[in-house]
C-alpha atoms as a PDB file:
ATOM      1  CA  MET A   1      -7.625   9.887  -6.778  1.00  0.00           C
ATOM      2  CA  ASP A   2      -7.829  13.427  -5.438  1.00  0.00           C
ATOM      3  CA  CYS A   3      -6.456  15.658  -8.212  1.00  0.00           C
ATOM      4  CA  ARG A   4      -4.766  18.324  -6.145  1.00  0.00           C
ATOM      5  CA  THR A   5      -1.632  20.361  -6.594  1.00  0.00           C
ATOM      6  CA  ILE A   6      -0.463  22.334  -3.565  1.00  0.00           C
ATOM      7  CA  VAL A   7       2.152  25.088  -3.681  1.00  0.00           C
ATOM      8  CA  ARG A   8       3.611  26.033  -0.292  1.00  0.00           C
ATOM      9  CA  PHE A   9       5.426  29.347   0.127  1.00  0.00           C
ATOM     10  CA  TYR A  10       8.395  30.191   2.322  1.00  0.00           C
ATOM     11  CA  ARG A  11      10.157  33.332   3.471  1.00  0.00           C
ATOM     12  CA  ARG A  12      13.876  34.053   3.630  1.00  0.00           C
ATOM     13  CA  VAL A  13      15.461  34.657   7.032  1.00  0.00           C
ATOM     14  CA  ALA A  14      19.098  35.760   7.311  1.00  0.00           C
ATOM     15  CA  GLU A  15      21.070  34.293  10.209  1.00  0.00           C
ATOM     16  CA  GLY A  16      24.573  35.669  10.039  1.00  0.00           C
ATOM     17  CA  ASN A  17      26.012  34.680   6.663  1.00  0.00           C
ATOM     18  CA  VAL A  18      23.375  31.987   6.135  1.00  0.00           C
ATOM     19  CA  THR A  19      19.948  32.490   4.599  1.00  0.00           C
ATOM     20  CA  ARG A  20      17.284  30.004   5.629  1.00  0.00           C
ATOM     21  CA  LEU A  21      13.825  29.327   4.253  1.00  0.00           C
ATOM     22  CA  ILE A  22      11.089  28.960   6.838  1.00  0.00           C
ATOM     23  CA  PRO A  23       7.276  28.760   6.566  1.00  0.00           C
ATOM     24  CA  TYR A  24       5.215  31.869   7.158  1.00  0.00           C
ATOM     25  CA  ASP A  25       3.651  32.329  10.565  1.00  0.00           C
ATOM     26  CA  GLY A  26       0.068  31.154  10.840  1.00  0.00           C
ATOM     27  CA  GLN A  27      -2.921  33.465  10.968  1.00  0.00           C
ATOM     28  CA  PRO A  28      -3.104  35.251  14.346  1.00  0.00           C
ATOM     29  CA  ASN A  29      -6.053  34.916  16.703  1.00  0.00           C
ATOM     30  CA  TYR A  30      -9.029  37.113  15.827  1.00  0.00           C
ATOM     31  CA  HIS A  31      -9.235  38.757  19.275  1.00  0.00           C
ATOM     32  CA  ASP A  32      -5.487  39.396  19.330  1.00  0.00           C
ATOM     33  CA  ILE A  33      -6.003  41.602  16.262  1.00  0.00           C
ATOM     34  CA  ILE A  34      -9.186  43.543  16.974  1.00  0.00           C
ATOM     35  CA  VAL A  35      -8.697  44.499  20.640  1.00  0.00           C
ATOM     36  CA  PRO A  36      -5.267  46.204  20.218  1.00  0.00           C
ATOM     37  CA  GLU A  37      -6.627  48.046  17.174  1.00  0.00           C
ATOM     38  CA  ALA A  38      -9.518  49.476  19.172  1.00  0.00           C
ATOM     39  CA  CYS A  39      -7.214  50.487  22.029  1.00  0.00           C
ATOM     40  CA  LYS A  40      -5.521  52.916  19.628  1.00  0.00           C
ATOM     41  CA  MET A  41      -8.593  55.145  19.507  1.00  0.00           C
ATOM     42  CA  VAL A  42     -10.404  54.625  22.839  1.00  0.00           C
ATOM     43  CA  ARG A  43      -9.939  56.627  26.021  1.00  0.00           C
ATOM     44  CA  ARG A  44      -8.190  54.788  28.811  1.00  0.00           C
ATOM     45  CA  GLU A  45     -11.286  54.902  31.023  1.00  0.00           C
ATOM     46  CA  LEU A  46     -13.197  53.004  28.340  1.00  0.00           C
ATOM     47  CA  VAL A  47     -10.413  50.461  27.903  1.00  0.00           C
ATOM     48  CA  VAL A  48     -10.858  49.272  31.476  1.00  0.00           C
ATOM     49  CA  GLY A  49     -14.572  50.140  31.611  1.00  0.00           C
ATOM     50  CA  CYS A  50     -16.280  53.092  33.300  1.00  0.00           C
ATOM     51  CA  ARG A  51     -19.073  52.234  35.746  1.00  0.00           C
ATOM     52  CA  TYR A  52     -20.431  55.781  35.664  1.00  0.00           C
ATOM     53  CA  ARG A  53     -21.458  55.592  32.001  1.00  0.00           C
ATOM     54  CA  SER A  54     -25.158  55.370  31.189  1.00  0.00           C
ATOM     55  CA  CYS A  55     -24.505  52.906  28.341  1.00  0.00           C
ATOM     56  CA  CYS A  56     -24.014  49.447  29.840  1.00  0.00           C
ATOM     57  CA  LEU A  57     -21.501  48.476  27.148  1.00  0.00           C
ATOM     58  CA  TYR A  58     -19.155  51.258  28.246  1.00  0.00           C
ATOM     59  CA  ARG A  59     -19.112  49.809  31.759  1.00  0.00           C
ATOM     60  CA  LEU A  60     -17.477  46.635  30.450  1.00  0.00           C
ATOM     61  CA  PRO A  61     -13.737  46.281  29.739  1.00  0.00           C
ATOM     62  CA  ILE A  62     -12.884  46.602  26.077  1.00  0.00           C
ATOM     63  CA  ASP A  63     -11.988  42.917  25.659  1.00  0.00           C
ATOM     64  CA  VAL A  64     -15.455  41.944  26.958  1.00  0.00           C
ATOM     65  CA  ARG A  65     -17.149  44.424  24.613  1.00  0.00           C
ATOM     66  CA  PHE A  66     -15.295  42.911  21.692  1.00  0.00           C
ATOM     67  CA  ARG A  67     -16.399  39.416  22.623  1.00  0.00           C
ATOM     68  CA  ILE A  68     -19.937  40.701  22.226  1.00  0.00           C
ATOM     69  CA  TYR A  69     -19.108  42.153  18.799  1.00  0.00           C
ATOM     70  CA  ALA A  70     -17.390  38.897  17.818  1.00  0.00           C
ATOM     71  CA  ALA A  71     -20.568  36.979  18.640  1.00  0.00           C
ATOM     72  CA  LEU A  72     -22.431  39.131  16.104  1.00  0.00           C
ATOM     73  CA  PHE A  73     -19.953  38.845  13.223  1.00  0.00           C
ATOM     74  CA  SER A  74     -19.014  35.340  12.071  1.00  0.00           C
ATOM     75  CA  HIS A  75     -15.291  34.592  12.121  1.00  0.00           C
ATOM     76  CA  ASN A  76     -15.302  30.791  12.218  1.00  0.00           C
ATOM     77  CA  GLY A  77     -14.369  29.926   8.638  1.00  0.00           C
ATOM     78  CA  THR A  78     -17.912  29.874   7.261  1.00  0.00           C
ATOM     79  CA  ALA A  79     -18.291  30.512   3.524  1.00  0.00           C
ATOM     80  CA  LEU A  80     -19.170  33.933   2.139  1.00  0.00           C
ATOM     81  CA  GLU A  81     -19.570  34.722  -1.553  1.00  0.00           C
ATOM     82  CA  ILE A  82     -18.061  38.013  -2.698  1.00  0.00           C
ATOM     83  CA  GLY A  83     -19.504  39.983  -5.593  1.00  0.00           C
ATOM     84  CA  ARG A  84     -22.992  38.419  -5.624  1.00  0.00           C
ATOM     85  CA  LEU A  85     -24.356  39.573  -2.285  1.00  0.00           C
ATOM     86  CA  GLU A  86     -28.120  39.737  -1.854  1.00  0.00           C
ATOM     87  CA  HIS A  87     -29.816  42.316   0.328  1.00  0.00           C
ATOM     88  CA  THR A  88     -30.823  40.543   3.540  1.00  0.00           C
ATOM     89  CA  GLY A  89     -31.636  43.460   5.851  1.00  0.00           C
ATOM     90  CA  ILE A  90     -29.419  45.111   8.394  1.00  0.00           C
ATOM     91  CA  GLY A  91     -29.493  42.168  10.850  1.00  0.00           C
ATOM     92  CA  ASN A  92     -26.533  42.156  13.218  1.00  0.00           C
ATOM     93  CA  LEU A  93     -25.283  45.406  11.699  1.00  0.00           C
ATOM     94  CA  GLN A  94     -27.873  47.182  13.829  1.00  0.00           C
ATOM     95  CA  ILE A  95     -25.248  47.540  16.564  1.00  0.00           C
ATOM     96  CA  LEU A  96     -23.381  50.003  14.324  1.00  0.00           C
ATOM     97  CA  ARG A  97     -26.211  52.464  14.991  1.00  0.00           C
ATOM     98  CA  THR A  98     -25.989  52.267  18.790  1.00  0.00           C
ATOM     99  CA  SER A  99     -23.591  55.168  19.333  1.00  0.00           C
ATOM    100  CA  HIS A 100     -20.667  56.954  17.733  1.00  0.00           C
ATOM    101  CA  LEU A 101     -17.931  55.067  19.596  1.00  0.00           C
ATOM    102  CA  ILE A 102     -19.647  51.696  19.297  1.00  0.00           C
ATOM    103  CA  TYR A 103     -19.864  52.287  15.544  1.00  0.00           C
ATOM    104  CA  HIS A 104     -16.070  52.582  15.428  1.00  0.00           C
ATOM    105  CA  GLU A 105     -15.474  49.602  17.715  1.00  0.00           C
ATOM    106  CA  ALA A 106     -17.958  47.308  15.979  1.00  0.00           C
ATOM    107  CA  SER A 107     -16.637  48.393  12.563  1.00  0.00           C
ATOM    108  CA  ILE A 108     -13.187  47.135  13.548  1.00  0.00           C
ATOM    109  CA  ALA A 109     -14.648  43.762  14.559  1.00  0.00           C
ATOM    110  CA  LEU A 110     -16.700  43.555  11.353  1.00  0.00           C
ATOM    111  CA  TYR A 111     -13.809  44.553   9.089  1.00  0.00           C
ATOM    112  CA  HIS A 112     -11.367  41.963  10.442  1.00  0.00           C
ATOM    113  CA  SER A 113     -13.998  39.204  10.653  1.00  0.00           C
ATOM    114  CA  LEU A 114     -13.781  38.916   6.857  1.00  0.00           C
ATOM    115  CA  SER A 115     -10.237  37.579   7.248  1.00  0.00           C
ATOM    116  CA  TYR A 116     -11.615  34.603   9.163  1.00  0.00           C
ATOM    117  CA  ARG A 117     -14.274  33.567   6.614  1.00  0.00           C
ATOM    118  CA  LYS A 118     -13.836  31.401   3.527  1.00  0.00           C
ATOM    119  CA  LEU A 119     -14.352  33.895   0.703  1.00  0.00           C
ATOM    120  CA  PHE A 120     -15.756  32.429  -2.503  1.00  0.00           C
ATOM    121  CA  LEU A 121     -15.520  34.355  -5.796  1.00  0.00           C
ATOM    122  CA  ARG A 122     -17.049  33.561  -9.161  1.00  0.00           C
ATOM    123  CA  ALA A 123     -18.097  37.133 -10.039  1.00  0.00           C
ATOM    124  CA  TYR A 124     -14.990  39.199 -10.706  1.00  0.00           C
ATOM    125  CA  GLY A 125     -14.192  42.635 -12.043  1.00  0.00           C
ATOM    126  CA  PRO A 126     -13.200  45.913 -10.329  1.00  0.00           C
ATOM    127  CA  TYR A 127     -16.250  45.750  -8.039  1.00  0.00           C
ATOM    128  CA  SER A 128     -15.116  42.497  -6.400  1.00  0.00           C
ATOM    129  CA  ALA A 129     -11.581  43.849  -6.040  1.00  0.00           C
ATOM    130  CA  ASP A 130     -12.981  46.922  -4.300  1.00  0.00           C
ATOM    131  CA  LEU A 131     -15.044  44.764  -1.927  1.00  0.00           C
ATOM    132  CA  LEU A 132     -11.925  42.897  -0.814  1.00  0.00           C
ATOM    133  CA  ARG A 133     -10.125  46.170  -0.029  1.00  0.00           C
ATOM    134  CA  ARG A 134     -13.035  48.227   1.291  1.00  0.00           C
ATOM    135  CA  HIS A 135     -12.873  49.415   4.896  1.00  0.00           C
ATOM    136  CA  PRO A 136     -15.244  51.388   7.157  1.00  0.00           C
ATOM    137  CA  LYS A 137     -15.360  55.115   6.526  1.00  0.00           C
ATOM    138  CA  PRO A 138     -15.507  57.903   9.135  1.00  0.00           C
ATOM    139  CA  LEU A 139     -18.914  59.322   9.930  1.00  0.00           C
ATOM    140  CA  PRO A 140     -19.812  62.874   8.846  1.00  0.00           C
ATOM    141  CA  CYS A 141     -19.838  63.838  12.532  1.00  0.00           C
ATOM    142  CA  CYS A 142     -16.380  62.429  13.301  1.00  0.00           C
ATOM    143  CA  ARG A 143     -14.152  65.020  14.977  1.00  0.00           C
ATOM    144  CA  SER A 144     -10.502  65.320  14.023  1.00  0.00           C
ATOM    145  CA  LYS A 145      -9.500  68.274  16.217  1.00  0.00           C
ATOM    146  CA  GLU A 146      -7.240  68.029  19.231  1.00  0.00           C
ATOM    147  CA  PHE A 147      -8.968  67.607  22.561  1.00  0.00           C
ATOM    148  CA  GLU A 148     -10.493  70.799  23.922  1.00  0.00           C
ATOM    149  CA  VAL A 149     -12.703  71.531  26.899  1.00  0.00           C
ATOM    150  CA  ASN A 150     -16.441  71.041  26.177  1.00  0.00           C
ATOM    151  CA  LEU A 151     -15.676  69.238  22.919  1.00  0.00           C
ATOM    152  CA  GLU A 152     -16.237  65.564  22.283  1.00  0.00           C
ATOM    153  CA  TYR A 153     -13.112  63.409  22.359  1.00  0.00           C
ATOM    154  CA  PRO A 154     -11.687  63.407  18.809  1.00  0.00           C
ATOM    155  CA  CYS A 155     -11.945  60.270  16.666  1.00  0.00           C
ATOM    156  CA  ARG A 156      -8.546  58.724  16.016  1.00  0.00           C
ATOM    157  CA  ASN A 157      -9.347  56.969  12.762  1.00  0.00           C
ATOM    158  CA  GLU A 158      -5.942  57.813  11.338  1.00  0.00           C
ATOM    159  CA  HIS A 159      -4.301  55.515  13.896  1.00  0.00           C
ATOM    160  CA  LEU A 160      -6.183  52.427  12.710  1.00  0.00           C
ATOM    161  CA  ASN A 161      -4.588  49.893  10.392  1.00  0.00           C
ATOM    162  CA  TRP A 162      -7.029  49.153   7.589  1.00  0.00           C
ATOM    163  CA  SER A 163      -4.923  46.374   6.140  1.00  0.00           C
ATOM    164  CA  ARG A 164      -5.781  42.726   6.675  1.00  0.00           C
ATOM    165  CA  PRO A 165      -4.470  39.432   5.322  1.00  0.00           C
ATOM    166  CA  LEU A 166      -7.261  37.138   4.153  1.00  0.00           C
ATOM    167  CA  GLY A 167      -7.371  33.660   5.616  1.00  0.00           C
ATOM    168  CA  SER A 168      -8.985  31.555   2.876  1.00  0.00           C
ATOM    169  CA  VAL A 169     -10.083  32.551  -0.638  1.00  0.00           C
ATOM    170  CA  VAL A 170     -11.545  30.363  -3.412  1.00  0.00           C
ATOM    171  CA  PHE A 171     -11.571  31.388  -7.091  1.00  0.00           C
ATOM    172  CA  LEU A 172     -13.942  29.602  -9.493  1.00  0.00           C
ATOM    173  CA  ILE A 173     -12.937  29.892 -13.147  1.00  0.00           C
ATOM    174  CA  GLY A 174     -14.914  28.458 -16.050  1.00  0.00           C
ATOM    175  CA  ALA A 175     -18.581  27.531 -16.497  1.00  0.00           C
ATOM    176  CA  GLU A 176     -20.721  24.976 -18.300  1.00  0.00           C
ATOM    177  CA  ASN A 177     -22.007  27.695 -20.616  1.00  0.00           C
ATOM    178  CA  PRO A 178     -19.133  28.893 -22.881  1.00  0.00           C
ATOM    179  CA  ARG A 179     -20.507  32.435 -22.983  1.00  0.00           C
ATOM    180  CA  VAL A 180     -20.641  32.639 -19.186  1.00  0.00           C
ATOM    181  CA  ALA A 181     -17.123  31.190 -19.006  1.00  0.00           C
ATOM    182  CA  LEU A 182     -15.854  33.798 -21.471  1.00  0.00           C
ATOM    183  CA  HIS A 183     -17.382  36.715 -19.557  1.00  0.00           C
ATOM    184  CA  ARG A 184     -16.014  35.294 -16.311  1.00  0.00           C
ATOM    185  CA  ARG A 185     -12.536  35.115 -17.835  1.00  0.00           C
ATOM    186  CA  TRP A 186     -12.689  38.744 -18.999  1.00  0.00           C
ATOM    187  CA  ALA A 187     -13.913  39.838 -15.569  1.00  0.00           C
ATOM    188  CA  PHE A 188     -11.086  37.856 -13.940  1.00  0.00           C
ATOM    189  CA  SER A 189      -8.530  39.801 -16.006  1.00  0.00           C
ATOM    190  CA  GLU A 190     -10.119  43.092 -14.918  1.00  0.00           C
ATOM    191  CA  PHE A 191     -10.102  41.836 -11.327  1.00  0.00           C
ATOM    192  CA  ILE A 192      -6.350  41.127 -11.455  1.00  0.00           C
ATOM    193  CA  THR A 193      -5.648  44.504 -13.083  1.00  0.00           C
ATOM    194  CA  ALA A 194      -7.620  46.308 -10.368  1.00  0.00           C
ATOM    195  CA  LEU A 195      -5.750  44.468  -7.606  1.00  0.00           C
ATOM    196  CA  LYS A 196      -2.363  45.331  -9.126  1.00  0.00           C
ATOM    197  CA  ALA A 197      -3.186  49.047  -8.895  1.00  0.00           C
ATOM    198  CA  ALA A 198      -2.571  48.954  -5.124  1.00  0.00           C
ATOM    199  CA  GLU A 199      -0.605  46.953  -2.577  1.00  0.00           C
ATOM    200  CA  PRO A 200      -0.663  43.168  -3.120  1.00  0.00           C
ATOM    201  CA  LEU A 201      -3.563  41.350  -1.510  1.00  0.00           C
ATOM    202  CA  ARG A 202      -2.130  39.150   1.251  1.00  0.00           C
ATOM    203  CA  ILE A 203      -3.641  35.664   1.450  1.00  0.00           C
ATOM    204  CA  PHE A 204      -2.859  32.704   3.682  1.00  0.00           C
ATOM    205  CA  SER A 205      -4.648  30.126   1.508  1.00  0.00           C
ATOM    206  CA  LEU A 206      -5.830  30.588  -2.086  1.00  0.00           C
ATOM    207  CA  THR A 207      -7.629  27.788  -3.940  1.00  0.00           C
ATOM    208  CA  VAL A 208      -8.188  27.984  -7.702  1.00  0.00           C
ATOM    209  CA  VAL A 209     -10.997  25.673  -8.866  1.00  0.00           C
ATOM    210  CA  VAL A 210     -11.646  25.246 -12.588  1.00  0.00           C
ATOM    211  CA  THR A 211     -14.640  23.739 -14.373  1.00  0.00           C
ATOM    212  CA  GLU A 212     -15.625  23.293 -18.008  1.00  0.00           C
ATOM    213  CA  ASN A 213     -14.481  25.863 -20.554  1.00  0.00           C
ATOM    214  CA  TRP A 214     -11.989  27.513 -18.209  1.00  0.00           C
ATOM    215  CA  ASN A 215      -9.258  27.454 -20.871  1.00  0.00           C
ATOM    216  CA  LEU A 216     -11.068  28.841 -23.884  1.00  0.00           C
ATOM    217  CA  PRO A 217      -8.782  30.169 -26.659  1.00  0.00           C
ATOM    218  CA  GLY A 218      -6.786  33.111 -25.334  1.00  0.00           C
ATOM    219  CA  PHE A 219      -6.415  31.833 -21.775  1.00  0.00           C
ATOM    220  CA  ASN A 220      -4.442  28.814 -20.611  1.00  0.00           C
ATOM    221  CA  GLU A 221      -2.169  27.600 -17.809  1.00  0.00           C
ATOM    222  CA  LYS A 222       0.500  30.180 -18.635  1.00  0.00           C
ATOM    223  CA  ASP A 223      -1.976  33.060 -18.446  1.00  0.00           C
ATOM    224  CA  LEU A 224      -3.305  31.757 -15.131  1.00  0.00           C
ATOM    225  CA  VAL A 225       0.162  31.498 -13.568  1.00  0.00           C
ATOM    226  CA  ASN A 226       1.093  34.948 -14.900  1.00  0.00           C
ATOM    227  CA  ALA A 227      -2.070  36.408 -13.355  1.00  0.00           C
ATOM    228  CA  LEU A 228      -1.489  34.791  -9.963  1.00  0.00           C
ATOM    229  CA  PHE A 229       2.163  35.869  -9.792  1.00  0.00           C
ATOM    230  CA  SER A 230       1.825  39.292 -11.430  1.00  0.00           C
ATOM    231  CA  GLY A 231       2.011  41.201  -8.150  1.00  0.00           C
ATOM    232  CA  ALA A 232      -1.699  41.169  -7.339  1.00  0.00           C
ATOM    233  CA  PHE A 233      -1.174  38.733  -4.436  1.00  0.00           C
ATOM    234  CA  LYS A 234       1.327  38.059  -1.704  1.00  0.00           C
ATOM    235  CA  PHE A 235       1.049  34.431  -0.617  1.00  0.00           C
ATOM    236  CA  LEU A 236       1.579  33.798   3.093  1.00  0.00           C
ATOM    237  CA  GLY A 237       0.918  30.076   3.098  1.00  0.00           C
ATOM    238  CA  ARG A 238      -0.252  27.973   0.201  1.00  0.00           C
ATOM    239  CA  LEU A 239      -1.856  27.967  -3.229  1.00  0.00           C
ATOM    240  CA  ASN A 240      -4.105  25.047  -4.233  1.00  0.00           C
ATOM    241  CA  PHE A 241      -5.081  23.994  -7.755  1.00  0.00           C
ATOM    242  CA  ARG A 242      -8.257  21.891  -8.061  1.00  0.00           C
ATOM    243  CA  GLY A 243     -10.157  20.440 -11.005  1.00  0.00           C
ATOM    244  CA  PHE A 244      -7.273  20.348 -13.504  1.00  0.00           C
ATOM    245  CA  THR A 245      -6.426  17.355 -15.669  1.00  0.00           C
ATOM    246  CA  GLU A 246      -3.137  15.505 -15.273  1.00  0.00           C
ATOM    247  CA  GLU A 247      -1.698  17.239 -18.338  1.00  0.00           C
ATOM    248  CA  GLU A 248      -2.822  20.664 -17.120  1.00  0.00           C
ATOM    249  CA  ARG A 249      -1.300  20.050 -13.693  1.00  0.00           C
ATOM    250  CA  ASN A 250       1.996  19.071 -15.302  1.00  0.00           C
ATOM    251  CA  ARG A 251       2.085  22.361 -17.183  1.00  0.00           C
ATOM    252  CA  LEU A 252       1.154  24.302 -14.048  1.00  0.00           C
ATOM    253  CA  CYS A 253       4.006  22.655 -12.142  1.00  0.00           C
ATOM    254  CA  HIS A 254       6.552  23.434 -14.851  1.00  0.00           C
ATOM    255  CA  LEU A 255       5.394  27.041 -15.164  1.00  0.00           C
ATOM    256  CA  THR A 256       5.454  27.565 -11.407  1.00  0.00           C
ATOM    257  CA  HIS A 257       8.845  25.856 -11.219  1.00  0.00           C
ATOM    258  CA  ALA A 258      10.206  28.390 -13.706  1.00  0.00           C
ATOM    259  CA  LEU A 259       9.504  31.261 -11.295  1.00  0.00           C
ATOM    260  CA  ARG A 260      12.587  32.571  -9.541  1.00  0.00           C
ATOM    261  CA  ASP A 261      10.669  34.218  -6.738  1.00  0.00           C
ATOM    262  CA  PRO A 262       9.157  33.581  -4.234  1.00  0.00           C
ATOM    263  CA  PRO A 263      10.688  30.364  -2.821  1.00  0.00           C
ATOM    264  CA  LEU A 264       8.159  27.557  -2.754  1.00  0.00           C
ATOM    265  CA  LYS A 265       7.517  23.823  -2.705  1.00  0.00           C
ATOM    266  CA  ILE A 266       5.124  21.946  -4.988  1.00  0.00           C
ATOM    267  CA  GLU A 267       3.252  18.907  -3.693  1.00  0.00           C
ATOM    268  CA  ARG A 268       1.253  16.704  -6.034  1.00  0.00           C
ATOM    269  CA  ILE A 269      -1.097  14.060  -4.694  1.00  0.00           C
ATOM    270  CA  LYS A 270      -0.294  10.797  -6.462  1.00  0.00           C
ATOM    271  CA  THR A 271      -1.474   7.656  -4.672  1.00  0.00           C
ATOM    272  CA  LYS A 272      -3.688   6.796  -1.734  1.00  0.00           C
ATOM    273  CA  ILE A 273      -2.735   3.783   0.406  1.00  0.00           C
ATOM    274  CA  GLN A 274      -5.434   2.512   2.727  1.00  0.00           C
ATOM    275  CA  GLY A 275      -5.317  -0.289   5.267  1.00  0.00           C
ATOM    276  CA  PRO A 276      -6.929  -1.420   8.531  1.00  0.00           C
ATOM    277  CA  GLY A 277      -7.239   1.710  10.627  1.00  0.00           C
ATOM    278  CA  PHE A 278      -5.125   3.997   8.429  1.00  0.00           C
ATOM    279  CA  SER A 279      -4.953   5.741   5.089  1.00  0.00           C
ATOM    280  CA  ILE A 280      -2.090   7.859   3.713  1.00  0.00           C
ATOM    281  CA  TRP A 281      -1.358   9.808   0.561  1.00  0.00           C
ATOM    282  CA  LEU A 282       1.968   9.382  -1.205  1.00  0.00           C
ATOM    283  CA  CYS A 283       2.997  12.717  -2.699  1.00  0.00           C
ATOM    284  CA  GLU A 284       5.467  13.713  -5.349  1.00  0.00           C
ATOM    285  CA  CYS A 285       7.254  16.773  -3.984  1.00  0.00           C
ATOM    286  CA  LEU A 286       9.367  19.201  -5.976  1.00  0.00           C
ATOM    287  CA  PHE A 287      11.253  21.532  -3.644  1.00  0.00           C
ATOM    288  CA  PHE A 288      13.230  24.374  -5.065  1.00  0.00           C
ATOM    289  CA  SER A 289      14.416  27.690  -3.741  1.00  0.00           C
ATOM    290  CA  PHE A 290      16.489  30.645  -4.805  1.00  0.00           C
ATOM    291  CA  LEU A 291      18.332  32.288  -1.951  1.00  0.00           C
ATOM    292  CA  GLN A 292      19.448  35.272  -3.945  1.00  0.00           C
ATOM    293  CA  PRO A 293      16.797  38.043  -3.998  1.00  0.00           C
END
């Protein structure tokens, strides 16, 4: 049996005197995010493409340029581990050194591509929290003055929205070695504290996977639920619990049920029925909501 517990989140919508609960909207298309962002800072002639430019990229419309950037930066749900990155050379980041404007355009594509990867974390702490929030910085040569004759067009970095919801994130808690598990637990607490210092991290799908020694003395199901719902995250879809025992899942369900906000539904996989040409899961669902804020 697949030992999964899924928590689905809903948002309140007022319609006259009635408040309804509806699911959050799904994650928008990658190109629908990055192209409008770039249009905030690019001259109109470069939005439609300028055939008189010496750089061939500038001759292309902005949506075509961004399809080239998208081909360089993965955004197809492939896994990426955060906090334990090895140096692999500049690779596709070489395009950031092409020109000043292309640096800004490609940085937008690179920044938002992280939202469309499956982010895997087992190394926590303030450093990992900073990586999740980090965004491209202006160059030392970026101009911020108003447009003047004989001056380069000013960079409009202040118009860009450096805030992104993450599509899929996986937390691994615990380890076969008790000492490693203990250090990972301490780092996880620091990670949550660092996230709470700023705006909540918005996530469409968060999966918490536990292994041996995840619940050493001083950390249990209650501490985990408190950490997840302490204001560090804003859930826009679902929260998955994997690797827990039946008893641990029962406690997680009761603790989550005790929350008065946000409105949610708990689904617990119970039984798999399989027959000729079909297989279905029978789920135990606990739906509860609180319409009063």
